[in-house]
Amino acid sequence: MPDTEKHPSPLHIPAVDVIYALYVQKNSGILTIQKDALLLKLTFDRGRIVNLWSNFIPGLSLGEYLVEMGQITPEERTEAFEISTEQHIQFGVVLLQQQKVSPHQLFEGIETLARRKLERIMGWESAIYHLEHLKAIPANQVILSVPMPHLIFRGLKESRRAEQLSEEFGRRMHQPLVQSHSSAFTVEELGLSAEEQKIWALLHHPRTIPQILEGVKIPIESLFRVLFALLSMNLAAFELRKQTGTIEFFDIIAPYIIDELDAASAFISAEELVATAVSESETGPHGPLDDFEILKATLARIVNDDTFFENWALEPAQSPHTKPEVISLKSETEMIDELRQHDYEKTGEIIRPKK
């Protein structure tokens, strides 16, 4: 027998793609996946994973899990393992016989570990695969209930997240930043300073982040203010259209905000933000706040600075529907010339004015 048949080479196919294909095709069979010393066997019943067997995976054994959950002691784990080895019966069966765990606790542990093992192999970009097709799966083999679509998409997201973000960032970096629905808001409604209004105008002509940073020297802090204004408009649009999603402007400016924001806040759903804001809609000092004010307050809380959007606040006696005086903007050429007259020095990662 040739060596290639004795020792098959790994296929450069992500494990998540193989599992997803069996799910979509509603396949029944046993899929063996091997990578280095790890070996897993997944039993599919019409595309649904109903059983999973693996060799020992450190940190993902049933005994370790039950000890971690406080359901058995380390000593009970050792004793049960020795009995299972001597009598050639399953570890979990010994625990049931000794009444150390209930059937519910046992199968809950088995299912939890199955999910964790699946999540681990979702990141494998290559492995050795073998599929044995079966017309029917024995009833005693159907012990798991894993929600495949959710697990598949989670695996895809985690295993390829870095690559996707890299490609997406590269694409967005060279696209105009301002969305079409931004025209629903005026410069006055955004409460931007004179310098920020100039940046706002540059974004509308349209400009990309590289063009703004390289073509015109501006303080990063001012750019943050304008981008957060755009962010608030995206949130409002999400709420009006009853849609949810990731705040894309956080993705776009992530490389520029390391010194300004906690990186963990760079990926937060609009639905979560809006829900948090709406829950506080009756707590305003002057009665209920309108949606736009709620969103601004929420964004200020995200950056942990209550004064971050102080220029956006409306006086209590002023109607939110009263249009302030329109500020006439200079031409793009005039604005660029004015901005170029400023002399800035770069300190660390943030560009600050010279004193």
Foldseek 3Di string as FASTA:
>chain_A
DDPCVVPPDKDQAQPLVVLVVCLVQQFAWWKWWADDPKIKIFGGHRSFTQAMDIDDDPPLDLLNVCCVVVLDPPVVQVVLVVVCVVVVHDSVVSCVVVVSDDPVVSLVSRQVSVLVVLLVSLLDSITDMDIDGDPGDDPVSRRYGDPPVVSSVVSVCVNCVVVVLVVVLVVQQPDQDADPVPVVDDPVLLLADPLLVLVVVDSVVPDGPCCPVVVFPDWVLSVVSNLVSRLLVVLVVCVVVVHKDWSVSLSNCVVQCVVQAPSVLSTDMSVVLQVVLVVCQQVDPLGGDDSSVSSVCSVCVRSPHNCSRVSNDDDSVDDPPDDDDDDDDDDSVVSRVVRNVFDWDDDPSTIDGDD
